[in-house]
């Protein structure tokens, strides 16, 4: 009985330790800072691969760290419209193709 309890604790500890790793990994997979050219004009595209407003909300803290550590990747990209983490994600209009 004691070994099964310690096994459960070990699994729980590993799961808790892997959550931040999974959070950062999801951010790295989804983030795409930059601009897209459209004819002669430039238009800002979403900073994330998905069109969900939740991406801006969930990854806001990590995006701020990323902007400070690697500003060259974000050169010319508008910062998130959030000054602080929002209570709810805002609906934004979709960019036309």
PDB file of N, CA and C in Angstrom:
ATOM      1  N   UNK A   1       0.822  -1.195   0.000  1.00  0.00           N
ATOM      2  CA  UNK A   1       0.000   0.000   0.000  1.00  0.00           C
ATOM      3  C   UNK A   1       0.864   1.255   0.000  1.00  0.00           C
ATOM      4  N   UNK A   2       1.974   1.203   0.689  1.00  0.00           N
ATOM      5  CA  UNK A   2       2.858   2.349   0.760  1.00  0.00           C
ATOM      6  C   UNK A   2       3.524   2.636  -0.587  1.00  0.00           C
ATOM      7  N   UNK A   3       3.872   1.599  -1.333  1.00  0.00           N
ATOM      8  CA  UNK A   3       4.507   1.821  -2.637  1.00  0.00           C
ATOM      9  C   UNK A   3       3.526   2.395  -3.643  1.00  0.00           C
ATOM     10  N   UNK A   4       2.250   2.010  -3.577  1.00  0.00           N
ATOM     11  CA  UNK A   4       1.275   2.561  -4.516  1.00  0.00           C
ATOM     12  C   UNK A   4       1.018   4.033  -4.213  1.00  0.00           C
ATOM     13  N   UNK A   5       1.029   4.412  -2.954  1.00  0.00           N
ATOM     14  CA  UNK A   5       0.844   5.811  -2.569  1.00  0.00           C
ATOM     15  C   UNK A   5       2.027   6.654  -3.036  1.00  0.00           C
ATOM     16  N   UNK A   6       3.231   6.130  -2.894  1.00  0.00           N
ATOM     17  CA  UNK A   6       4.406   6.879  -3.349  1.00  0.00           C
ATOM     18  C   UNK A   6       4.440   6.956  -4.876  1.00  0.00           C
ATOM     19  N   UNK A   7       3.929   5.937  -5.557  1.00  0.00           N
ATOM     20  CA  UNK A   7       3.860   5.977  -7.021  1.00  0.00           C
ATOM     21  C   UNK A   7       2.887   7.051  -7.488  1.00  0.00           C
ATOM     22  N   UNK A   8       1.774   7.165  -6.801  1.00  0.00           N
ATOM     23  CA  UNK A   8       0.789   8.194  -7.146  1.00  0.00           C
ATOM     24  C   UNK A   8       1.377   9.577  -6.924  1.00  0.00           C
ATOM     25  N   UNK A   9       2.101   9.749  -5.832  1.00  0.00           N
ATOM     26  CA  UNK A   9       2.735  11.044  -5.558  1.00  0.00           C
ATOM     27  C   UNK A   9       3.779  11.380  -6.616  1.00  0.00           C
ATOM     28  N   UNK A  10       4.534  10.384  -7.042  1.00  0.00           N
ATOM     29  CA  UNK A  10       5.543  10.603  -8.070  1.00  0.00           C
ATOM     30  C   UNK A  10       4.899  11.009  -9.393  1.00  0.00           C
ATOM     31  N   UNK A  11       3.841  10.333  -9.772  1.00  0.00           N
ATOM     32  CA  UNK A  11       3.134  10.667 -11.013  1.00  0.00           C
ATOM     33  C   UNK A  11       2.532  12.068 -10.923  1.00  0.00           C
ATOM     34  N   UNK A  12       1.947  12.406  -9.784  1.00  0.00           N
ATOM     35  CA  UNK A  12       1.370  13.739  -9.600  1.00  0.00           C
ATOM     36  C   UNK A  12       2.449  14.814  -9.666  1.00  0.00           C
ATOM     37  N   UNK A  13       3.591  14.571  -9.043  1.00  0.00           N
ATOM     38  CA  UNK A  13       4.685  15.542  -9.075  1.00  0.00           C
ATOM     39  C   UNK A  13       5.210  15.730 -10.495  1.00  0.00           C
ATOM     40  N   UNK A  14       5.359  14.644 -11.233  1.00  0.00           N
ATOM     41  CA  UNK A  14       5.818  14.754 -12.622  1.00  0.00           C
ATOM     42  C   UNK A  14       4.818  15.513 -13.483  1.00  0.00           C
ATOM     43  N   UNK A  15       3.538  15.255 -13.280  1.00  0.00           N
ATOM     44  CA  UNK A  15       2.509  15.958 -14.050  1.00  0.00           C
ATOM     45  C   UNK A  15       2.549  17.455 -13.763  1.00  0.00           C
ATOM     46  N   UNK A  16       2.707  17.813 -12.495  1.00  0.00           N
ATOM     47  CA  UNK A  16       2.767  19.230 -12.128  1.00  0.00           C
ATOM     48  C   UNK A  16       4.020  19.886 -12.699  1.00  0.00           C
ATOM     49  N   UNK A  17       5.130  19.179 -12.705  1.00  0.00           N
ATOM     50  CA  UNK A  17       6.366  19.738 -13.248  1.00  0.00           C
ATOM     51  C   UNK A  17       6.324  19.866 -14.771  1.00  0.00           C
ATOM     52  N   UNK A  18       5.565  19.020 -15.430  1.00  0.00           N
ATOM     53  CA  UNK A  18       5.499  19.058 -16.889  1.00  0.00           C
ATOM     54  C   UNK A  18       4.508  20.096 -17.424  1.00  0.00           C
ATOM     55  N   UNK A  19       3.619  20.608 -16.590  1.00  0.00           N
ATOM     56  CA  UNK A  19       2.658  21.607 -17.055  1.00  0.00           C
ATOM     57  C   UNK A  19       3.332  22.868 -17.604  1.00  0.00           C
ATOM     58  N   UNK A  20       4.307  23.469 -16.905  1.00  0.00           N
ATOM     59  CA  UNK A  20       4.972  24.642 -17.484  1.00  0.00           C
ATOM     60  C   UNK A  20       5.714  24.323 -18.782  1.00  0.00           C
ATOM     61  N   UNK A  21       6.278  23.139 -18.870  1.00  0.00           N
ATOM     62  CA  UNK A  21       6.973  22.735 -20.098  1.00  0.00           C
ATOM     63  C   UNK A  21       5.977  22.645 -21.247  1.00  0.00           C
ATOM     64  N   UNK A  22       4.816  22.073 -20.995  1.00  0.00           N
ATOM     65  CA  UNK A  22       3.783  21.962 -22.028  1.00  0.00           C
ATOM     66  C   UNK A  22       3.271  23.341 -22.436  1.00  0.00           C
ATOM     67  N   UNK A  23       3.138  24.268 -21.480  1.00  0.00           N
ATOM     68  CA  UNK A  23       2.693  25.637 -21.755  1.00  0.00           C
ATOM     69  C   UNK A  23       3.667  26.341 -22.698  1.00  0.00           C
ATOM     70  N   UNK A  24       4.955  26.268 -22.384  1.00  0.00           N
ATOM     71  CA  UNK A  24       5.973  26.902 -23.223  1.00  0.00           C
ATOM     72  C   UNK A  24       6.037  26.226 -24.590  1.00  0.00           C
ATOM     73  N   UNK A  25       5.921  24.917 -24.617  1.00  0.00           N
ATOM     74  CA  UNK A  25       5.967  24.196 -25.887  1.00  0.00           C
ATOM     75  C   UNK A  25       4.790  24.582 -26.784  1.00  0.00           C
ATOM     76  N   UNK A  26       3.615  24.712 -26.222  1.00  0.00           N
ATOM     77  CA  UNK A  26       2.449  25.150 -27.009  1.00  0.00           C
ATOM     78  C   UNK A  26       2.665  26.558 -27.552  1.00  0.00           C
ATOM     79  N   UNK A  27       3.233  27.443 -26.743  1.00  0.00           N
ATOM     80  CA  UNK A  27       3.518  28.800 -27.201  1.00  0.00           C
ATOM     81  C   UNK A  27       4.484  28.783 -28.375  1.00  0.00           C
ATOM     82  N   UNK A  28       5.563  28.016 -28.253  1.00  0.00           N
ATOM     83  CA  UNK A  28       6.575  27.948 -29.315  1.00  0.00           C
ATOM     84  C   UNK A  28       5.966  27.418 -30.607  1.00  0.00           C
ATOM     85  N   UNK A  29       5.074  26.456 -30.496  1.00  0.00           N
ATOM     86  CA  UNK A  29       4.439  25.888 -31.685  1.00  0.00           C
ATOM     87  C   UNK A  29       3.487  26.890 -32.334  1.00  0.00           C
ATOM     88  N   UNK A  30       2.755  27.662 -31.532  1.00  0.00           N
ATOM     89  CA  UNK A  30       1.704  28.522 -32.070  1.00  0.00           C
ATOM     90  C   UNK A  30       2.156  29.925 -32.459  1.00  0.00           C
ATOM     91  N   UNK A  31       3.235  30.439 -31.884  1.00  0.00           N
ATOM     92  CA  UNK A  31       3.608  31.833 -32.135  1.00  0.00           C
ATOM     93  C   UNK A  31       4.302  31.977 -33.489  1.00  0.00           C
ATOM     94  N   UNK A  32       3.926  33.042 -34.204  1.00  0.00           N
ATOM     95  CA  UNK A  32       4.529  33.385 -35.495  1.00  0.00           C
ATOM     96  C   UNK A  32       4.608  34.903 -35.603  1.00  0.00           C
ATOM     97  N   UNK A  33       5.560  35.542 -34.924  1.00  0.00           N
ATOM     98  CA  UNK A  33       5.627  36.998 -35.015  1.00  0.00           C
ATOM     99  C   UNK A  33       6.084  37.428 -36.397  1.00  0.00           C
ATOM    100  N   UNK A  34       5.480  38.469 -36.918  1.00  0.00           N
ATOM    101  CA  UNK A  34       5.930  38.979 -38.205  1.00  0.00           C
ATOM    102  C   UNK A  34       4.833  39.665 -38.975  1.00  0.00           C
ATOM    103  N   UNK A  35       5.169  40.014 -40.192  1.00  0.00           N
ATOM    104  CA  UNK A  35       4.228  40.673 -41.090  1.00  0.00           C
ATOM    105  C   UNK A  35       4.075  39.834 -42.335  1.00  0.00           C
ATOM    106  N   UNK A  36       2.994  40.031 -42.996  1.00  0.00           N
ATOM    107  CA  UNK A  36       2.772  39.350 -44.270  1.00  0.00           C
ATOM    108  C   UNK A  36       2.563  40.408 -45.337  1.00  0.00           C
ATOM    109  N   UNK A  37       3.175  40.234 -46.472  1.00  0.00           N
ATOM    110  CA  UNK A  37       2.985  41.209 -47.542  1.00  0.00           C
ATOM    111  C   UNK A  37       1.707  40.884 -48.289  1.00  0.00           C
ATOM    112  N   UNK A  38       1.021  41.914 -48.706  1.00  0.00           N
ATOM    113  CA  UNK A  38      -0.211  41.761 -49.474  1.00  0.00           C
ATOM    114  C   UNK A  38      -0.142  42.794 -50.590  1.00  0.00           C
ATOM    115  N   UNK A  39       0.339  42.390 -51.740  1.00  0.00           N
ATOM    116  CA  UNK A  39       0.547  43.349 -52.822  1.00  0.00           C
ATOM    117  C   UNK A  39       1.691  44.271 -52.463  1.00  0.00           C
ATOM    118  N   UNK A  40       1.471  45.574 -52.563  1.00  0.00           N
ATOM    119  CA  UNK A  40       2.511  46.537 -52.209  1.00  0.00           C
ATOM    120  C   UNK A  40       2.408  46.973 -50.755  1.00  0.00           C
ATOM    121  N   UNK A  41       1.306  46.639 -50.111  1.00  0.00           N
ATOM    122  CA  UNK A  41       1.107  47.029 -48.716  1.00  0.00           C
ATOM    123  C   UNK A  41       1.549  45.909 -47.785  1.00  0.00           C
ATOM    124  N   UNK A  42       1.729  46.280 -46.551  1.00  0.00           N
ATOM    125  CA  UNK A  42       1.975  45.286 -45.513  1.00  0.00           C
ATOM    126  C   UNK A  42       0.784  45.304 -44.579  1.00  0.00           C
ATOM    127  N   UNK A  43       0.423  44.148 -44.116  1.00  0.00           N
ATOM    128  CA  UNK A  43      -0.650  44.075 -43.130  1.00  0.00           C
ATOM    129  C   UNK A  43      -0.191  43.185 -41.986  1.00  0.00           C
ATOM    130  N   UNK A  44      -0.635  43.505 -40.813  1.00  0.00           N
ATOM    131  CA  UNK A  44      -0.302  42.699 -39.640  1.00  0.00           C
ATOM    132  C   UNK A  44      -1.159  41.441 -39.671  1.00  0.00           C
ATOM    133  N   UNK A  45      -0.531  40.322 -39.480  1.00  0.00           N
ATOM    134  CA  UNK A  45      -1.288  39.085 -39.351  1.00  0.00           C
ATOM    135  C   UNK A  45      -1.274  38.682 -37.890  1.00  0.00           C
ATOM    136  N   UNK A  46      -2.086  37.750 -37.562  1.00  0.00           N
ATOM    137  CA  UNK A  46      -2.154  37.283 -36.183  1.00  0.00           C
ATOM    138  C   UNK A  46      -0.787  36.760 -35.750  1.00  0.00           C
ATOM    139  N   UNK A  47      -0.452  36.970 -34.504  1.00  0.00           N
ATOM    140  CA  UNK A  47       0.825  36.488 -33.980  1.00  0.00           C
ATOM    141  C   UNK A  47       0.805  34.999 -33.682  1.00  0.00           C
ATOM    142  N   UNK A  48      -0.354  34.372 -33.822  1.00  0.00           N
ATOM    143  CA  UNK A  48      -0.482  32.955 -33.492  1.00  0.00           C
ATOM    144  C   UNK A  48      -1.069  32.187 -34.670  1.00  0.00           C
ATOM    145  N   UNK A  49      -0.739  30.910 -34.754  1.00  0.00           N
ATOM    146  CA  UNK A  49      -1.188  30.076 -35.867  1.00  0.00           C
ATOM    147  C   UNK A  49      -2.700  29.898 -35.865  1.00  0.00           C
ATOM    148  N   UNK A  50      -3.299  29.879 -34.717  1.00  0.00           N
ATOM    149  CA  UNK A  50      -4.746  29.701 -34.637  1.00  0.00           C
ATOM    150  C   UNK A  50      -5.426  31.067 -34.651  1.00  0.00           C
ATOM    151  N   UNK A  51      -6.678  31.128 -35.077  1.00  0.00           N
ATOM    152  CA  UNK A  51      -7.420  32.391 -35.108  1.00  0.00           C
ATOM    153  C   UNK A  51      -8.169  32.667 -33.810  1.00  0.00           C
ATOM    154  N   UNK A  52      -7.915  31.883 -32.805  1.00  0.00           N
ATOM    155  CA  UNK A  52      -8.638  32.005 -31.545  1.00  0.00           C
ATOM    156  C   UNK A  52      -8.179  33.239 -30.772  1.00  0.00           C
ATOM    157  N   UNK A  53      -9.132  33.925 -30.149  1.00  0.00           N
ATOM    158  CA  UNK A  53      -8.788  35.047 -29.278  1.00  0.00           C
ATOM    159  C   UNK A  53      -8.177  34.563 -27.967  1.00  0.00           C
ATOM    160  N   UNK A  54      -8.372  33.306 -27.659  1.00  0.00           N
ATOM    161  CA  UNK A  54      -7.819  32.754 -26.430  1.00  0.00           C
ATOM    162  C   UNK A  54      -6.297  32.726 -26.461  1.00  0.00           C
ATOM    163  N   UNK A  55      -5.697  32.624 -27.643  1.00  0.00           N
ATOM    164  CA  UNK A  55      -4.235  32.596 -27.727  1.00  0.00           C
ATOM    165  C   UNK A  55      -3.631  33.872 -27.150  1.00  0.00           C
ATOM    166  N   UNK A  56      -4.194  35.021 -27.510  1.00  0.00           N
ATOM    167  CA  UNK A  56      -3.695  36.289 -26.970  1.00  0.00           C
ATOM    168  C   UNK A  56      -3.842  36.328 -25.454  1.00  0.00           C
ATOM    169  N   UNK A  57      -4.921  35.796 -24.973  1.00  0.00           N
ATOM    170  CA  UNK A  57      -5.193  35.812 -23.541  1.00  0.00           C
ATOM    171  C   UNK A  57      -4.286  34.851 -22.775  1.00  0.00           C
ATOM    172  N   UNK A  58      -4.182  33.627 -23.255  1.00  0.00           N
ATOM    173  CA  UNK A  58      -3.442  32.587 -22.533  1.00  0.00           C
ATOM    174  C   UNK A  58      -1.938  32.819 -22.581  1.00  0.00           C
ATOM    175  N   UNK A  59      -1.429  33.251 -23.734  1.00  0.00           N
ATOM    176  CA  UNK A  59       0.015  33.368 -23.902  1.00  0.00           C
ATOM    177  C   UNK A  59       0.537  34.790 -23.694  1.00  0.00           C
ATOM    178  N   UNK A  60      -0.301  35.718 -23.203  1.00  0.00           N
ATOM    179  CA  UNK A  60       0.128  37.098 -23.007  1.00  0.00           C
ATOM    180  C   UNK A  60       1.387  37.200 -22.150  1.00  0.00           C
ATOM    181  N   UNK A  61       1.475  36.535 -20.988  1.00  0.00           N
ATOM    182  CA  UNK A  61       2.690  36.673 -20.168  1.00  0.00           C
ATOM    183  C   UNK A  61       3.943  36.178 -20.883  1.00  0.00           C
ATOM    184  N   UNK A  62       3.832  35.062 -21.567  1.00  0.00           N
ATOM    185  CA  UNK A  62       4.988  34.504 -22.262  1.00  0.00           C
ATOM    186  C   UNK A  62       5.386  35.370 -23.459  1.00  0.00           C
ATOM    187  N   UNK A  63       4.399  35.973 -24.123  1.00  0.00           N
ATOM    188  CA  UNK A  63       4.707  36.868 -25.243  1.00  0.00           C
ATOM    189  C   UNK A  63       5.497  38.077 -24.761  1.00  0.00           C
ATOM    190  N   UNK A  64       5.156  38.609 -23.585  1.00  0.00           N
ATOM    191  CA  UNK A  64       5.885  39.762 -23.051  1.00  0.00           C
ATOM    192  C   UNK A  64       7.338  39.406 -22.758  1.00  0.00           C
ATOM    193  N   UNK A  65       7.570  38.224 -22.206  1.00  0.00           N
ATOM    194  CA  UNK A  65       8.942  37.762 -21.950  1.00  0.00           C
ATOM    195  C   UNK A  65       9.678  37.567 -23.265  1.00  0.00           C
ATOM    196  N   UNK A  66       9.022  36.971 -24.241  1.00  0.00           N
ATOM    197  CA  UNK A  66       9.620  36.731 -25.557  1.00  0.00           C
ATOM    198  C   UNK A  66      10.000  38.052 -26.224  1.00  0.00           C
ATOM    199  N   UNK A  67       9.137  39.059 -26.130  1.00  0.00           N
ATOM    200  CA  UNK A  67       9.433  40.375 -26.721  1.00  0.00           C
ATOM    201  C   UNK A  67      10.654  41.020 -26.070  1.00  0.00           C
ATOM    202  N   UNK A  68      10.827  40.813 -24.764  1.00  0.00           N
ATOM    203  CA  UNK A  68      11.975  41.413 -24.073  1.00  0.00           C
ATOM    204  C   UNK A  68      13.274  40.665 -24.347  1.00  0.00           C
ATOM    205  N   UNK A  69      13.197  39.339 -24.438  1.00  0.00           N
ATOM    206  CA  UNK A  69      14.405  38.540 -24.642  1.00  0.00           C
ATOM    207  C   UNK A  69      14.884  38.545 -26.091  1.00  0.00           C
ATOM    208  N   UNK A  70      13.968  38.538 -27.046  1.00  0.00           N
ATOM    209  CA  UNK A  70      14.313  38.487 -28.472  1.00  0.00           C
ATOM    210  C   UNK A  70      13.581  39.589 -29.240  1.00  0.00           C
ATOM    211  N   UNK A  71      13.944  40.856 -28.997  1.00  0.00           N
ATOM    212  CA  UNK A  71      13.208  41.941 -29.653  1.00  0.00           C
ATOM    213  C   UNK A  71      13.376  41.969 -31.169  1.00  0.00           C
ATOM    214  N   UNK A  72      14.460  41.411 -31.702  1.00  0.00           N
ATOM    215  CA  UNK A  72      14.664  41.424 -33.154  1.00  0.00           C
ATOM    216  C   UNK A  72      13.594  40.616 -33.878  1.00  0.00           C
ATOM    217  N   UNK A  73      13.110  39.546 -33.271  1.00  0.00           N
ATOM    218  CA  UNK A  73      12.046  38.755 -33.897  1.00  0.00           C
ATOM    219  C   UNK A  73      10.731  39.513 -33.945  1.00  0.00           C
ATOM    220  N   UNK A  74      10.565  40.466 -33.051  1.00  0.00           N
ATOM    221  CA  UNK A  74       9.315  41.216 -32.972  1.00  0.00           C
ATOM    222  C   UNK A  74       9.454  42.601 -33.593  1.00  0.00           C
ATOM    223  N   UNK A  75      10.560  42.884 -34.250  1.00  0.00           N
ATOM    224  CA  UNK A  75      10.792  44.198 -34.837  1.00  0.00           C
ATOM    225  C   UNK A  75       9.712  44.506 -35.865  1.00  0.00           C
ATOM    226  N   UNK A  76       9.007  45.595 -35.667  1.00  0.00           N
ATOM    227  CA  UNK A  76       7.961  46.001 -36.591  1.00  0.00           C
ATOM    228  C   UNK A  76       6.619  45.356 -36.346  1.00  0.00           C
ATOM    229  N   UNK A  77       6.515  44.499 -35.358  1.00  0.00           N
ATOM    230  CA  UNK A  77       5.243  43.847 -35.059  1.00  0.00           C
ATOM    231  C   UNK A  77       4.573  44.607 -33.927  1.00  0.00           C
ATOM    232  N   UNK A  78       3.339  44.960 -34.145  1.00  0.00           N
ATOM    233  CA  UNK A  78       2.598  45.688 -33.127  1.00  0.00           C
ATOM    234  C   UNK A  78       2.480  44.844 -31.859  1.00  0.00           C
ATOM    235  N   UNK A  79       2.668  45.471 -30.699  1.00  0.00           N
ATOM    236  CA  UNK A  79       2.480  44.711 -29.461  1.00  0.00           C
ATOM    237  C   UNK A  79       1.014  44.362 -29.274  1.00  0.00           C
ATOM    238  N   UNK A  80       0.789  43.401 -28.439  1.00  0.00           N
ATOM    239  CA  UNK A  80      -0.576  43.007 -28.128  1.00  0.00           C
ATOM    240  C   UNK A  80      -1.331  44.213 -27.607  1.00  0.00           C
ATOM    241  N   UNK A  81      -2.606  44.299 -27.926  1.00  0.00           N
ATOM    242  CA  UNK A  81      -3.374  45.463 -27.501  1.00  0.00           C
ATOM    243  C   UNK A  81      -3.628  45.468 -26.000  1.00  0.00           C
ATOM    244  N   UNK A  82      -3.253  44.402 -25.331  1.00  0.00           N
ATOM    245  CA  UNK A  82      -3.460  44.328 -23.893  1.00  0.00           C
ATOM    246  C   UNK A  82      -2.297  45.000 -23.173  1.00  0.00           C
ATOM    247  N   UNK A  83      -2.614  45.901 -22.252  1.00  0.00           N
ATOM    248  CA  UNK A  83      -1.588  46.530 -21.433  1.00  0.00           C
ATOM    249  C   UNK A  83      -1.279  45.635 -20.241  1.00  0.00           C
ATOM    250  N   UNK A  84      -2.248  44.885 -19.821  1.00  0.00           N
ATOM    251  CA  UNK A  84      -2.101  43.923 -18.735  1.00  0.00           C
ATOM    252  C   UNK A  84      -2.938  42.709 -19.112  1.00  0.00           C
ATOM    253  N   UNK A  85      -2.781  41.598 -18.423  1.00  0.00           N
ATOM    254  CA  UNK A  85      -3.597  40.441 -18.774  1.00  0.00           C
ATOM    255  C   UNK A  85      -5.081  40.781 -18.656  1.00  0.00           C
ATOM    256  N   UNK A  86      -5.842  40.535 -19.693  1.00  0.00           N
ATOM    257  CA  UNK A  86      -7.264  40.892 -19.679  1.00  0.00           C
ATOM    258  C   UNK A  86      -8.082  39.902 -18.861  1.00  0.00           C
ATOM    259  N   UNK A  87      -9.263  40.339 -18.457  1.00  0.00           N
ATOM    260  CA  UNK A  87     -10.175  39.436 -17.755  1.00  0.00           C
ATOM    261  C   UNK A  87     -10.815  38.461 -18.730  1.00  0.00           C
ATOM    262  N   UNK A  88     -11.169  38.951 -19.892  1.00  0.00           N
ATOM    263  CA  UNK A  88     -11.762  38.116 -20.928  1.00  0.00           C
ATOM    264  C   UNK A  88     -11.121  38.475 -22.259  1.00  0.00           C
ATOM    265  N   UNK A  89     -11.020  37.528 -23.165  1.00  0.00           N
ATOM    266  CA  UNK A  89     -10.454  37.855 -24.471  1.00  0.00           C
ATOM    267  C   UNK A  89     -11.391  38.780 -25.240  1.00  0.00           C
ATOM    268  N   UNK A  90     -10.807  39.709 -25.970  1.00  0.00           N
ATOM    269  CA  UNK A  90     -11.578  40.639 -26.778  1.00  0.00           C
ATOM    270  C   UNK A  90     -11.797  40.058 -28.158  1.00  0.00           C
ATOM    271  N   UNK A  91     -12.933  40.360 -28.742  1.00  0.00           N
ATOM    272  CA  UNK A  91     -13.188  39.951 -30.122  1.00  0.00           C
ATOM    273  C   UNK A  91     -12.510  40.964 -31.033  1.00  0.00           C
ATOM    274  N   UNK A  92     -11.773  40.448 -31.997  1.00  0.00           N
ATOM    275  CA  UNK A  92     -11.110  41.319 -32.959  1.00  0.00           C
ATOM    276  C   UNK A  92     -11.597  40.953 -34.342  1.00  0.00           C
ATOM    277  N   UNK A  93     -11.600  41.931 -35.227  1.00  0.00           N
ATOM    278  CA  UNK A  93     -11.971  41.661 -36.612  1.00  0.00           C
ATOM    279  C   UNK A  93     -10.888  40.851 -37.297  1.00  0.00           C
ATOM    280  N   UNK A  94     -11.283  40.022 -38.193  1.00  0.00           N
ATOM    281  CA  UNK A  94     -10.333  39.199 -38.948  1.00  0.00           C
ATOM    282  C   UNK A  94      -9.765  40.020 -40.102  1.00  0.00           C
ATOM    283  N   UNK A  95      -8.487  39.835 -40.392  1.00  0.00           N
ATOM    284  CA  UNK A  95      -7.848  40.527 -41.515  1.00  0.00           C
ATOM    285  C   UNK A  95      -8.338  39.913 -42.819  1.00  0.00           C
ATOM    286  N   UNK A  96      -8.589  40.759 -43.783  1.00  0.00           N
ATOM    287  CA  UNK A  96      -9.050  40.241 -45.077  1.00  0.00           C
ATOM    288  C   UNK A  96      -7.862  39.736 -45.880  1.00  0.00           C
ATOM    289  N   UNK A  97      -8.051  38.653 -46.635  1.00  0.00           N
ATOM    290  CA  UNK A  97      -6.924  38.096 -47.404  1.00  0.00           C
ATOM    291  C   UNK A  97      -6.539  38.938 -48.580  1.00  0.00           C
TER     292      UNK A  97
END
